[in-house]
Amino acid sequence: MNRIGGRGIKGWYYRLELSRKTRLWGLIFLIPWLTGFLVFFLKPLVETIYYSFNNVKIIEGGVSTEYVKWNNYIRAFTVDTMFNRLILTMISKTLPQVLIVIIFSLLAAILINGKYPGRSIARTIFFIPIIMGTSIASASLVGNDIISQEIMASTGMNTFGTRLILDVLANTGLPTEIVGYVSGAVSGIFQILAISGVPTLIFLAGLQSIPPSLYEVANIEGASAYEAFWKITLPMVSPMVLVCAVYSIIDAFFRHTIMVDGTNYGIVNYMYSIAFNQANYGLSAAMTVVYMLVSIIVVSVVSFLISKVVFYYD
C-alpha cells in the first residue's frame, strides 16, 4: 500500500469538509482566469489608466508622456459630444434590450427543450440565423435587393411589418412609450436573435438540469403548466438569469451603435478611431476608463438587484 506516515496519500483530501472541497475546486477553476488576468490584462489596464492622465505621443523607441491631470476626462465629457451621446444611449437603449433578450432566450430554450418529433431539426433551424449572422439572415428572409426595398417603401412597411404592428398598438390606446418599445423590439428582431444565441444555450443547460421528479410531484398535486413554470422552472433557472443578464449587458455594450448623419458609430470603434486615426492616445485612454467604469457600475447594480431573487439549491 502507498502510505506516508501511516496515512494514505489521498487521505488529506477525503478528510476535508464538503465546504472546503468546494472552495478548493473553486480556486482550481479560478486559476486559468486569474493567470490570464495577471499575464494579459493587468499590465494594459494599469497603462491605460496611466495614459488617461497624460498627453501621449509616439516617439522613436517608445512613447513620451506629459502629465495633464484631468484634462482628458474633461475633454471627453465637455468637448467631445459624440462620446457623451454614445455613453448615454448605451445605458438607456441596451438595458431594455437586455430584458427582451432574457425573456426571448428563456422562452426559446423552453420551446426547443420540449419533447416532440423533430426536436433536433427545430433546434437547427433556430440557430441558423445565429450562425449565418444578422445581415445575411435579414437579406435572406426579408430581401435586400432593390425590388424588395421598393416594395417595402411603397407599402410603408419595414422589416417584418413593423409599421402594421405600430398602427395596431397605437389604436389600442396604449402609451406611446410602450408602443415605441414594442415596435423597436420587433424591428430589431434579427439583432435580438443574434444576441440571444449564448443565453439560450445557457438556459437550455439549466432546464435540462432540473430534476424531472419536481414536475412529477407537481403533476400529482394537480399543478397546471402555468403554476409549474412560476413555482419550479423559473426559480430553478434563476441563477442562469443572473449569468445571462451579465453576459447580455456586456455583449450589448460592445455592440452598441448610434446613427449620426447616416453613419453608424460604435463606442469601441470610436475610441479606437480617436487613438489610432487621430493619434490622441490620452483622450482615448480616458474614454476607455470611463467606458470600463460605466460597465462595471451597471453590471454591479444589475447583479445586486437580480441576486436578491436568485434561488440556489443543493
C-alpha atoms as a PDB file:
ATOM      1  CA  MET A   1       0.000   0.000   0.000  1.00  0.00           C
ATOM      2  CA  ASN A   2       1.129   3.531  -0.761  1.00  0.00           C
ATOM      3  CA  ARG A   3       1.195   5.102   2.677  1.00  0.00           C
ATOM      4  CA  ILE A   4       3.089   8.021   4.162  1.00  0.00           C
ATOM      5  CA  GLY A   5       3.325   8.189   7.933  1.00  0.00           C
ATOM      6  CA  GLY A   6       0.615   5.543   8.334  1.00  0.00           C
ATOM      7  CA  ARG A   7      -1.847   7.550   6.301  1.00  0.00           C
ATOM      8  CA  GLY A   8      -2.964   7.176   2.705  1.00  0.00           C
ATOM      9  CA  ILE A   9      -1.570   9.594   0.124  1.00  0.00           C
ATOM     10  CA  LYS A  10      -5.077  10.781  -0.742  1.00  0.00           C
ATOM     11  CA  GLY A  11      -6.260  10.811   2.824  1.00  0.00           C
ATOM     12  CA  TRP A  12      -5.903  14.567   3.331  1.00  0.00           C
ATOM     13  CA  TYR A  13      -8.413  15.300   0.562  1.00  0.00           C
ATOM     14  CA  TYR A  14     -11.026  12.810   1.737  1.00  0.00           C
ATOM     15  CA  ARG A  15     -10.815  14.153   5.281  1.00  0.00           C
ATOM     16  CA  LEU A  16     -11.747  17.679   4.128  1.00  0.00           C
ATOM     17  CA  GLU A  17     -15.212  19.002   4.805  1.00  0.00           C
ATOM     18  CA  LEU A  18     -17.537  19.485   1.843  1.00  0.00           C
ATOM     19  CA  SER A  19     -17.316  23.270   2.125  1.00  0.00           C
ATOM     20  CA  ARG A  20     -13.504  23.122   1.991  1.00  0.00           C
ATOM     21  CA  LYS A  21     -13.603  20.804  -1.017  1.00  0.00           C
ATOM     22  CA  THR A  22     -15.953  23.226  -2.761  1.00  0.00           C
ATOM     23  CA  ARG A  23     -13.628  26.164  -2.080  1.00  0.00           C
ATOM     24  CA  LEU A  24     -10.633  24.132  -3.247  1.00  0.00           C
ATOM     25  CA  TRP A  25     -12.219  23.270  -6.591  1.00  0.00           C
ATOM     26  CA  GLY A  26     -13.419  26.850  -6.919  1.00  0.00           C
ATOM     27  CA  LEU A  27      -9.812  28.043  -6.636  1.00  0.00           C
ATOM     28  CA  ILE A  28      -8.650  25.398  -9.119  1.00  0.00           C
ATOM     29  CA  PHE A  29     -11.212  26.526 -11.712  1.00  0.00           C
ATOM     30  CA  LEU A  30     -10.261  30.158 -10.979  1.00  0.00           C
ATOM     31  CA  ILE A  31      -6.567  29.635 -11.739  1.00  0.00           C
ATOM     32  CA  PRO A  32      -6.857  29.830 -15.591  1.00  0.00           C
ATOM     33  CA  TRP A  33      -8.868  33.083 -15.422  1.00  0.00           C
ATOM     34  CA  LEU A  34      -6.551  34.562 -12.772  1.00  0.00           C
ATOM     35  CA  THR A  35      -3.494  33.626 -14.843  1.00  0.00           C
ATOM     36  CA  GLY A  36      -4.957  35.270 -17.929  1.00  0.00           C
ATOM     37  CA  PHE A  37      -5.857  38.398 -15.946  1.00  0.00           C
ATOM     38  CA  LEU A  38      -2.365  38.774 -14.479  1.00  0.00           C
ATOM     39  CA  VAL A  39      -0.493  37.967 -17.695  1.00  0.00           C
ATOM     40  CA  PHE A  40      -2.629  39.608 -20.404  1.00  0.00           C
ATOM     41  CA  PHE A  41      -4.957  42.148 -18.764  1.00  0.00           C
ATOM     42  CA  LEU A  42      -3.390  43.728 -15.665  1.00  0.00           C
ATOM     43  CA  LYS A  43      -0.477  45.493 -17.420  1.00  0.00           C
ATOM     44  CA  PRO A  44      -2.640  47.048 -20.215  1.00  0.00           C
ATOM     45  CA  LEU A  45      -5.201  48.097 -17.582  1.00  0.00           C
ATOM     46  CA  VAL A  46      -2.613  49.943 -15.482  1.00  0.00           C
ATOM     47  CA  GLU A  47      -1.074  51.537 -18.585  1.00  0.00           C
ATOM     48  CA  THR A  48      -4.488  52.710 -19.817  1.00  0.00           C
ATOM     49  CA  ILE A  49      -5.268  54.392 -16.504  1.00  0.00           C
ATOM     50  CA  TYR A  50      -1.817  55.984 -16.511  1.00  0.00           C
ATOM     51  CA  TYR A  51      -2.134  57.230 -20.107  1.00  0.00           C
ATOM     52  CA  SER A  52      -5.558  58.721 -19.372  1.00  0.00           C
ATOM     53  CA  PHE A  53      -3.874  61.372 -17.192  1.00  0.00           C
ATOM     54  CA  ASN A  54      -1.185  62.157 -19.748  1.00  0.00           C
ATOM     55  CA  ASN A  55      -0.684  63.564 -23.207  1.00  0.00           C
ATOM     56  CA  VAL A  56       0.831  60.568 -25.001  1.00  0.00           C
ATOM     57  CA  LYS A  57       2.991  60.812 -28.119  1.00  0.00           C
ATOM     58  CA  ILE A  58       4.724  58.104 -30.090  1.00  0.00           C
ATOM     59  CA  ILE A  59       8.454  58.684 -30.413  1.00  0.00           C
ATOM     60  CA  GLU A  60      11.299  56.644 -31.740  1.00  0.00           C
ATOM     61  CA  GLY A  61      11.932  53.793 -29.386  1.00  0.00           C
ATOM     62  CA  GLY A  62       8.755  54.141 -27.326  1.00  0.00           C
ATOM     63  CA  VAL A  63       6.294  56.756 -26.055  1.00  0.00           C
ATOM     64  CA  SER A  64       6.565  60.091 -24.279  1.00  0.00           C
ATOM     65  CA  THR A  65       4.041  61.239 -21.676  1.00  0.00           C
ATOM     66  CA  GLU A  66       3.162  64.672 -20.337  1.00  0.00           C
ATOM     67  CA  TYR A  67       1.043  64.837 -17.197  1.00  0.00           C
ATOM     68  CA  VAL A  68      -2.153  66.833 -17.881  1.00  0.00           C
ATOM     69  CA  LYS A  69      -4.186  65.920 -14.784  1.00  0.00           C
ATOM     70  CA  TRP A  70      -7.945  65.547 -15.584  1.00  0.00           C
ATOM     71  CA  ASN A  71      -7.812  67.350 -18.940  1.00  0.00           C
ATOM     72  CA  ASN A  72      -8.522  64.235 -20.994  1.00  0.00           C
ATOM     73  CA  TYR A  73     -11.608  63.398 -18.903  1.00  0.00           C
ATOM     74  CA  ILE A  74     -12.852  66.983 -19.065  1.00  0.00           C
ATOM     75  CA  ARG A  75     -12.435  66.985 -22.827  1.00  0.00           C
ATOM     76  CA  ALA A  76     -14.214  63.638 -23.151  1.00  0.00           C
ATOM     77  CA  PHE A  77     -17.316  64.967 -21.358  1.00  0.00           C
ATOM     78  CA  THR A  78     -17.370  68.648 -22.359  1.00  0.00           C
ATOM     79  CA  VAL A  79     -15.711  68.923 -25.773  1.00  0.00           C
ATOM     80  CA  ASP A  80     -16.326  65.567 -27.467  1.00  0.00           C
ATOM     81  CA  THR A  81     -20.120  65.475 -27.778  1.00  0.00           C
ATOM     82  CA  MET A  82     -20.126  62.121 -29.610  1.00  0.00           C
ATOM     83  CA  PHE A  83     -18.744  60.258 -26.595  1.00  0.00           C
ATOM     84  CA  ASN A  84     -21.472  61.662 -24.347  1.00  0.00           C
ATOM     85  CA  ARG A  85     -24.167  60.506 -26.744  1.00  0.00           C
ATOM     86  CA  LEU A  86     -22.632  57.064 -27.021  1.00  0.00           C
ATOM     87  CA  ILE A  87     -22.463  56.587 -23.241  1.00  0.00           C
ATOM     88  CA  LEU A  88     -25.987  57.878 -22.566  1.00  0.00           C
ATOM     89  CA  THR A  89     -27.664  55.908 -25.353  1.00  0.00           C
ATOM     90  CA  MET A  90     -25.620  52.841 -24.433  1.00  0.00           C
ATOM     91  CA  ILE A  91     -27.220  52.826 -20.988  1.00  0.00           C
ATOM     92  CA  SER A  92     -30.734  53.910 -21.984  1.00  0.00           C
ATOM     93  CA  LYS A  93     -31.102  51.703 -25.077  1.00  0.00           C
ATOM     94  CA  THR A  94     -29.268  48.497 -24.198  1.00  0.00           C
ATOM     95  CA  LEU A  95     -30.814  47.793 -20.777  1.00  0.00           C
ATOM     96  CA  PRO A  96     -34.377  47.462 -22.179  1.00  0.00           C
ATOM     97  CA  GLN A  97     -32.919  45.352 -24.981  1.00  0.00           C
ATOM     98  CA  VAL A  98     -31.276  43.049 -22.428  1.00  0.00           C
ATOM     99  CA  LEU A  99     -34.680  42.484 -20.804  1.00  0.00           C
ATOM    100  CA  ILE A 100     -36.097  41.425 -24.172  1.00  0.00           C
ATOM    101  CA  VAL A 101     -33.114  39.139 -24.787  1.00  0.00           C
ATOM    102  CA  ILE A 102     -33.555  37.405 -21.406  1.00  0.00           C
ATOM    103  CA  ILE A 103     -37.288  36.830 -21.945  1.00  0.00           C
ATOM    104  CA  PHE A 104     -36.832  35.685 -25.540  1.00  0.00           C
ATOM    105  CA  SER A 105     -33.926  33.378 -24.655  1.00  0.00           C
ATOM    106  CA  LEU A 106     -35.839  31.726 -21.808  1.00  0.00           C
ATOM    107  CA  LEU A 107     -38.937  31.159 -23.938  1.00  0.00           C
ATOM    108  CA  ALA A 108     -36.835  29.862 -26.838  1.00  0.00           C
ATOM    109  CA  ALA A 109     -34.985  27.471 -24.533  1.00  0.00           C
ATOM    110  CA  ILE A 110     -38.284  26.143 -23.144  1.00  0.00           C
ATOM    111  CA  LEU A 111     -39.634  25.597 -26.665  1.00  0.00           C
ATOM    112  CA  ILE A 112     -36.600  23.784 -28.051  1.00  0.00           C
ATOM    113  CA  ASN A 113     -36.228  21.768 -24.835  1.00  0.00           C
ATOM    114  CA  GLY A 114     -39.654  20.183 -25.236  1.00  0.00           C
ATOM    115  CA  LYS A 115     -40.033  16.551 -26.223  1.00  0.00           C
ATOM    116  CA  TYR A 116     -41.642  16.369 -29.644  1.00  0.00           C
ATOM    117  CA  PRO A 117     -40.858  14.808 -33.040  1.00  0.00           C
ATOM    118  CA  GLY A 118     -38.241  16.745 -34.998  1.00  0.00           C
ATOM    119  CA  ARG A 119     -36.762  18.489 -31.965  1.00  0.00           C
ATOM    120  CA  SER A 120     -33.229  18.333 -33.421  1.00  0.00           C
ATOM    121  CA  ILE A 121     -34.414  19.908 -36.676  1.00  0.00           C
ATOM    122  CA  ALA A 122     -36.193  22.676 -34.750  1.00  0.00           C
ATOM    123  CA  ARG A 123     -33.029  23.439 -32.802  1.00  0.00           C
ATOM    124  CA  THR A 124     -31.003  23.569 -36.013  1.00  0.00           C
ATOM    125  CA  ILE A 125     -33.476  25.944 -37.664  1.00  0.00           C
ATOM    126  CA  PHE A 126     -33.459  28.186 -34.589  1.00  0.00           C
ATOM    127  CA  PHE A 127     -29.674  28.540 -34.536  1.00  0.00           C
ATOM    128  CA  ILE A 128     -29.229  29.016 -38.306  1.00  0.00           C
ATOM    129  CA  PRO A 129     -29.655  32.845 -38.163  1.00  0.00           C
ATOM    130  CA  ILE A 130     -27.164  32.995 -35.292  1.00  0.00           C
ATOM    131  CA  ILE A 131     -24.583  31.051 -37.297  1.00  0.00           C
ATOM    132  CA  MET A 132     -25.271  32.976 -40.518  1.00  0.00           C
ATOM    133  CA  GLY A 133     -25.278  36.412 -38.905  1.00  0.00           C
ATOM    134  CA  THR A 134     -27.965  39.058 -38.738  1.00  0.00           C
ATOM    135  CA  SER A 135     -27.238  40.758 -42.056  1.00  0.00           C
ATOM    136  CA  ILE A 136     -27.293  37.520 -44.081  1.00  0.00           C
ATOM    137  CA  ALA A 137     -30.419  36.254 -42.313  1.00  0.00           C
ATOM    138  CA  SER A 138     -32.195  39.573 -42.833  1.00  0.00           C
ATOM    139  CA  ALA A 139     -31.332  39.636 -46.515  1.00  0.00           C
ATOM    140  CA  SER A 140     -32.426  36.003 -46.953  1.00  0.00           C
ATOM    141  CA  LEU A 141     -35.780  36.317 -45.168  1.00  0.00           C
ATOM    142  CA  VAL A 142     -36.790  39.886 -45.990  1.00  0.00           C
ATOM    143  CA  GLY A 143     -34.837  40.690 -49.122  1.00  0.00           C
ATOM    144  CA  ASN A 144     -32.046  43.172 -49.535  1.00  0.00           C
ATOM    145  CA  ASP A 145     -32.331  43.834 -53.247  1.00  0.00           C
ATOM    146  CA  ILE A 146     -33.689  46.946 -54.950  1.00  0.00           C
ATOM    147  CA  ILE A 147     -37.108  45.396 -55.715  1.00  0.00           C
ATOM    148  CA  SER A 148     -37.655  44.370 -52.093  1.00  0.00           C
ATOM    149  CA  GLN A 149     -36.675  47.818 -50.876  1.00  0.00           C
ATOM    150  CA  GLU A 150     -39.037  49.480 -53.379  1.00  0.00           C
ATOM    151  CA  ILE A 151     -41.933  47.264 -52.289  1.00  0.00           C
ATOM    152  CA  MET A 152     -41.289  47.973 -48.627  1.00  0.00           C
ATOM    153  CA  ALA A 153     -41.011  51.710 -49.287  1.00  0.00           C
ATOM    154  CA  SER A 154     -44.161  51.874 -51.428  1.00  0.00           C
ATOM    155  CA  THR A 155     -46.267  49.950 -48.895  1.00  0.00           C
ATOM    156  CA  GLY A 156     -44.905  51.848 -45.910  1.00  0.00           C
ATOM    157  CA  MET A 157     -43.798  48.581 -44.295  1.00  0.00           C
ATOM    158  CA  ASN A 158     -40.361  47.891 -42.934  1.00  0.00           C
ATOM    159  CA  THR A 159     -38.831  44.682 -41.632  1.00  0.00           C
ATOM    160  CA  PHE A 160     -41.437  42.139 -40.526  1.00  0.00           C
ATOM    161  CA  GLY A 161     -44.272  44.650 -40.822  1.00  0.00           C
ATOM    162  CA  THR A 162     -43.240  46.960 -38.038  1.00  0.00           C
ATOM    163  CA  ARG A 163     -45.450  49.732 -39.426  1.00  0.00           C
ATOM    164  CA  LEU A 164     -48.526  47.491 -39.238  1.00  0.00           C
ATOM    165  CA  ILE A 165     -47.714  46.455 -35.653  1.00  0.00           C
ATOM    166  CA  LEU A 166     -47.138  50.093 -34.704  1.00  0.00           C
ATOM    167  CA  ASP A 167     -50.526  51.114 -36.112  1.00  0.00           C
ATOM    168  CA  VAL A 168     -52.343  48.267 -34.334  1.00  0.00           C
ATOM    169  CA  LEU A 169     -50.740  49.075 -30.980  1.00  0.00           C
ATOM    170  CA  ALA A 170     -51.387  52.796 -31.386  1.00  0.00           C
ATOM    171  CA  ASN A 171     -55.096  52.165 -31.970  1.00  0.00           C
ATOM    172  CA  THR A 172     -55.352  50.193 -28.727  1.00  0.00           C
ATOM    173  CA  GLY A 173     -54.773  53.348 -26.706  1.00  0.00           C
ATOM    174  CA  LEU A 174     -51.528  52.175 -25.105  1.00  0.00           C
ATOM    175  CA  PRO A 175     -48.995  54.829 -24.018  1.00  0.00           C
ATOM    176  CA  THR A 176     -46.620  55.940 -26.756  1.00  0.00           C
ATOM    177  CA  GLU A 177     -43.624  54.760 -24.693  1.00  0.00           C
ATOM    178  CA  ILE A 178     -44.901  51.168 -24.673  1.00  0.00           C
ATOM    179  CA  VAL A 179     -45.785  51.321 -28.379  1.00  0.00           C
ATOM    180  CA  GLY A 180     -42.311  52.594 -29.232  1.00  0.00           C
ATOM    181  CA  TYR A 181     -40.669  49.962 -27.037  1.00  0.00           C
ATOM    182  CA  VAL A 182     -42.558  47.075 -28.661  1.00  0.00           C
ATOM    183  CA  SER A 183     -42.105  48.353 -32.215  1.00  0.00           C
ATOM    184  CA  GLY A 184     -38.388  48.864 -31.608  1.00  0.00           C
ATOM    185  CA  ALA A 185     -38.086  45.293 -30.343  1.00  0.00           C
ATOM    186  CA  VAL A 186     -39.888  43.934 -33.418  1.00  0.00           C
ATOM    187  CA  SER A 187     -37.826  45.974 -35.865  1.00  0.00           C
ATOM    188  CA  GLY A 188     -34.616  44.706 -34.228  1.00  0.00           C
ATOM    189  CA  ILE A 189     -35.687  41.065 -34.147  1.00  0.00           C
ATOM    190  CA  PHE A 190     -32.611  39.847 -36.054  1.00  0.00           C
ATOM    191  CA  GLN A 191     -30.215  41.629 -33.715  1.00  0.00           C
ATOM    192  CA  ILE A 192     -32.073  40.219 -30.706  1.00  0.00           C
ATOM    193  CA  LEU A 193     -31.950  36.753 -32.266  1.00  0.00           C
ATOM    194  CA  ALA A 194     -28.182  37.018 -32.772  1.00  0.00           C
ATOM    195  CA  ILE A 195     -27.555  38.215 -29.217  1.00  0.00           C
ATOM    196  CA  SER A 196     -29.836  35.517 -27.772  1.00  0.00           C
ATOM    197  CA  GLY A 197     -27.757  32.581 -29.000  1.00  0.00           C
ATOM    198  CA  VAL A 198     -25.482  32.129 -25.977  1.00  0.00           C
ATOM    199  CA  PRO A 199     -28.173  32.962 -23.353  1.00  0.00           C
ATOM    200  CA  THR A 200     -30.474  30.402 -24.979  1.00  0.00           C
ATOM    201  CA  LEU A 201     -27.810  27.717 -24.660  1.00  0.00           C
ATOM    202  CA  ILE A 202     -27.248  28.663 -21.003  1.00  0.00           C
ATOM    203  CA  PHE A 203     -30.975  28.476 -20.269  1.00  0.00           C
ATOM    204  CA  LEU A 204     -31.205  25.181 -22.161  1.00  0.00           C
ATOM    205  CA  ALA A 205     -28.470  23.685 -19.972  1.00  0.00           C
ATOM    206  CA  GLY A 206     -30.269  24.982 -16.872  1.00  0.00           C
ATOM    207  CA  LEU A 207     -33.596  23.481 -17.938  1.00  0.00           C
ATOM    208  CA  GLN A 208     -32.032  20.097 -18.579  1.00  0.00           C
ATOM    209  CA  SER A 209     -30.503  20.100 -15.080  1.00  0.00           C
ATOM    210  CA  ILE A 210     -33.900  20.431 -13.367  1.00  0.00           C
ATOM    211  CA  PRO A 211     -34.849  17.077 -11.755  1.00  0.00           C
ATOM    212  CA  PRO A 212     -37.876  15.595 -13.553  1.00  0.00           C
ATOM    213  CA  SER A 213     -39.186  14.412 -10.188  1.00  0.00           C
ATOM    214  CA  LEU A 214     -40.136  18.002  -9.338  1.00  0.00           C
ATOM    215  CA  TYR A 215     -42.511  18.154 -12.296  1.00  0.00           C
ATOM    216  CA  GLU A 216     -43.868  14.685 -11.473  1.00  0.00           C
ATOM    217  CA  VAL A 217     -44.697  15.785  -7.928  1.00  0.00           C
ATOM    218  CA  ALA A 218     -46.301  18.986  -9.224  1.00  0.00           C
ATOM    219  CA  ASN A 219     -48.376  16.951 -11.668  1.00  0.00           C
ATOM    220  CA  ILE A 220     -49.527  14.626  -8.900  1.00  0.00           C
ATOM    221  CA  GLU A 221     -50.520  17.631  -6.788  1.00  0.00           C
ATOM    222  CA  GLY A 222     -52.606  18.924  -9.689  1.00  0.00           C
ATOM    223  CA  ALA A 223     -50.454  21.933 -10.602  1.00  0.00           C
ATOM    224  CA  SER A 224     -51.028  23.403 -14.058  1.00  0.00           C
ATOM    225  CA  ALA A 225     -48.256  24.125 -16.561  1.00  0.00           C
ATOM    226  CA  TYR A 226     -48.536  27.811 -15.699  1.00  0.00           C
ATOM    227  CA  GLU A 227     -48.039  27.108 -11.981  1.00  0.00           C
ATOM    228  CA  ALA A 228     -45.174  24.697 -12.698  1.00  0.00           C
ATOM    229  CA  PHE A 229     -43.389  27.410 -14.662  1.00  0.00           C
ATOM    230  CA  TRP A 230     -43.604  30.019 -11.893  1.00  0.00           C
ATOM    231  CA  LYS A 231     -43.041  27.628  -8.991  1.00  0.00           C
ATOM    232  CA  ILE A 232     -40.440  25.256 -10.470  1.00  0.00           C
ATOM    233  CA  THR A 233     -38.935  26.315 -13.793  1.00  0.00           C
ATOM    234  CA  LEU A 234     -38.284  29.995 -13.116  1.00  0.00           C
ATOM    235  CA  PRO A 235     -36.833  29.560  -9.594  1.00  0.00           C
ATOM    236  CA  MET A 236     -34.601  26.698 -10.723  1.00  0.00           C
ATOM    237  CA  VAL A 237     -33.155  28.657 -13.670  1.00  0.00           C
ATOM    238  CA  SER A 238     -32.885  31.935 -11.745  1.00  0.00           C
ATOM    239  CA  PRO A 239     -29.079  31.548 -11.366  1.00  0.00           C
ATOM    240  CA  MET A 240     -28.911  31.363 -15.178  1.00  0.00           C
ATOM    241  CA  VAL A 241     -30.915  34.589 -15.370  1.00  0.00           C
ATOM    242  CA  LEU A 242     -28.121  36.338 -13.483  1.00  0.00           C
ATOM    243  CA  VAL A 243     -25.426  34.838 -15.724  1.00  0.00           C
ATOM    244  CA  CYS A 244     -27.323  35.673 -18.922  1.00  0.00           C
ATOM    245  CA  ALA A 245     -28.052  39.214 -17.735  1.00  0.00           C
ATOM    246  CA  VAL A 246     -24.371  39.945 -17.106  1.00  0.00           C
ATOM    247  CA  TYR A 247     -23.343  38.388 -20.424  1.00  0.00           C
ATOM    248  CA  SER A 248     -26.060  40.205 -22.377  1.00  0.00           C
ATOM    249  CA  ILE A 249     -25.190  43.589 -20.842  1.00  0.00           C
ATOM    250  CA  ILE A 250     -21.504  43.283 -21.729  1.00  0.00           C
ATOM    251  CA  ASP A 251     -22.330  42.000 -25.203  1.00  0.00           C
ATOM    252  CA  ALA A 252     -24.892  44.774 -25.809  1.00  0.00           C
ATOM    253  CA  PHE A 253     -22.470  47.463 -24.621  1.00  0.00           C
ATOM    254  CA  PHE A 254     -19.863  46.160 -27.049  1.00  0.00           C
ATOM    255  CA  ARG A 255     -22.325  46.036 -29.966  1.00  0.00           C
ATOM    256  CA  HIS A 256     -23.930  49.411 -29.200  1.00  0.00           C
ATOM    257  CA  THR A 257     -24.042  51.888 -32.091  1.00  0.00           C
ATOM    258  CA  ILE A 258     -25.809  55.164 -32.887  1.00  0.00           C
ATOM    259  CA  MET A 259     -26.724  56.619 -36.260  1.00  0.00           C
ATOM    260  CA  VAL A 260     -25.346  60.110 -36.973  1.00  0.00           C
ATOM    261  CA  ASP A 261     -25.765  61.664 -40.433  1.00  0.00           C
ATOM    262  CA  GLY A 262     -26.308  58.248 -41.995  1.00  0.00           C
ATOM    263  CA  THR A 263     -23.212  56.717 -40.343  1.00  0.00           C
ATOM    264  CA  ASN A 264     -23.160  54.104 -37.586  1.00  0.00           C
ATOM    265  CA  TYR A 265     -20.827  54.874 -34.696  1.00  0.00           C
ATOM    266  CA  GLY A 266     -19.882  52.146 -32.215  1.00  0.00           C
ATOM    267  CA  ILE A 267     -18.346  53.151 -28.907  1.00  0.00           C
ATOM    268  CA  VAL A 268     -15.430  50.704 -29.159  1.00  0.00           C
ATOM    269  CA  ASN A 269     -14.684  51.644 -32.776  1.00  0.00           C
ATOM    270  CA  TYR A 270     -14.978  55.317 -31.878  1.00  0.00           C
ATOM    271  CA  MET A 271     -12.403  55.046 -29.087  1.00  0.00           C
ATOM    272  CA  TYR A 272     -10.159  53.084 -31.455  1.00  0.00           C
ATOM    273  CA  SER A 273     -10.515  55.820 -34.055  1.00  0.00           C
ATOM    274  CA  ILE A 274      -9.602  58.532 -31.518  1.00  0.00           C
ATOM    275  CA  ALA A 275      -6.414  56.672 -30.650  1.00  0.00           C
ATOM    276  CA  PHE A 276      -5.132  55.366 -33.973  1.00  0.00           C
ATOM    277  CA  ASN A 277      -6.713  57.672 -36.569  1.00  0.00           C
ATOM    278  CA  GLN A 278      -6.397  60.950 -34.661  1.00  0.00           C
ATOM    279  CA  ALA A 279      -3.302  59.892 -32.635  1.00  0.00           C
ATOM    280  CA  ASN A 280      -4.931  61.166 -29.423  1.00  0.00           C
ATOM    281  CA  TYR A 281      -3.992  58.279 -27.178  1.00  0.00           C
ATOM    282  CA  GLY A 282      -4.565  60.072 -23.870  1.00  0.00           C
ATOM    283  CA  LEU A 283      -8.135  61.048 -24.739  1.00  0.00           C
ATOM    284  CA  SER A 284      -8.874  57.538 -25.993  1.00  0.00           C
ATOM    285  CA  ALA A 285      -7.472  56.076 -22.766  1.00  0.00           C
ATOM    286  CA  ALA A 286      -9.698  58.380 -20.692  1.00  0.00           C
ATOM    287  CA  MET A 287     -12.749  57.321 -22.718  1.00  0.00           C
ATOM    288  CA  THR A 288     -11.779  53.681 -22.229  1.00  0.00           C
ATOM    289  CA  VAL A 289     -11.544  54.109 -18.449  1.00  0.00           C
ATOM    290  CA  VAL A 290     -14.961  55.806 -18.354  1.00  0.00           C
ATOM    291  CA  TYR A 291     -16.451  53.071 -20.529  1.00  0.00           C
ATOM    292  CA  MET A 292     -14.990  50.401 -18.224  1.00  0.00           C
ATOM    293  CA  LEU A 293     -16.254  52.119 -15.062  1.00  0.00           C
ATOM    294  CA  VAL A 294     -19.755  52.578 -16.504  1.00  0.00           C
ATOM    295  CA  SER A 295     -19.852  48.902 -17.494  1.00  0.00           C
ATOM    296  CA  ILE A 296     -18.694  47.797 -14.034  1.00  0.00           C
ATOM    297  CA  ILE A 297     -21.253  50.017 -12.267  1.00  0.00           C
ATOM    298  CA  VAL A 298     -24.159  48.886 -14.454  1.00  0.00           C
ATOM    299  CA  VAL A 299     -23.240  45.200 -14.170  1.00  0.00           C
ATOM    300  CA  SER A 300     -22.779  45.528 -10.397  1.00  0.00           C
ATOM    301  CA  VAL A 301     -26.160  47.204  -9.891  1.00  0.00           C
ATOM    302  CA  VAL A 302     -27.991  44.699 -12.105  1.00  0.00           C
ATOM    303  CA  SER A 303     -26.230  41.762 -10.439  1.00  0.00           C
ATOM    304  CA  PHE A 304     -27.111  43.093  -6.983  1.00  0.00           C
ATOM    305  CA  LEU A 305     -30.783  43.503  -7.882  1.00  0.00           C
ATOM    306  CA  ILE A 306     -31.125  40.108  -9.572  1.00  0.00           C
ATOM    307  CA  SER A 307     -29.188  38.288  -6.840  1.00  0.00           C
ATOM    308  CA  LYS A 308     -31.939  39.274  -4.389  1.00  0.00           C
ATOM    309  CA  VAL A 309     -34.386  36.949  -6.136  1.00  0.00           C
ATOM    310  CA  VAL A 310     -31.997  34.191  -7.228  1.00  0.00           C
ATOM    311  CA  PHE A 311     -32.772  30.765  -5.788  1.00  0.00           C
ATOM    312  CA  TYR A 312     -29.785  28.495  -5.176  1.00  0.00           C
ATOM    313  CA  TYR A 313     -30.384  24.837  -4.488  1.00  0.00           C
ATOM    314  CA  ASP A 314     -28.112  21.926  -3.493  1.00  0.00           C
END
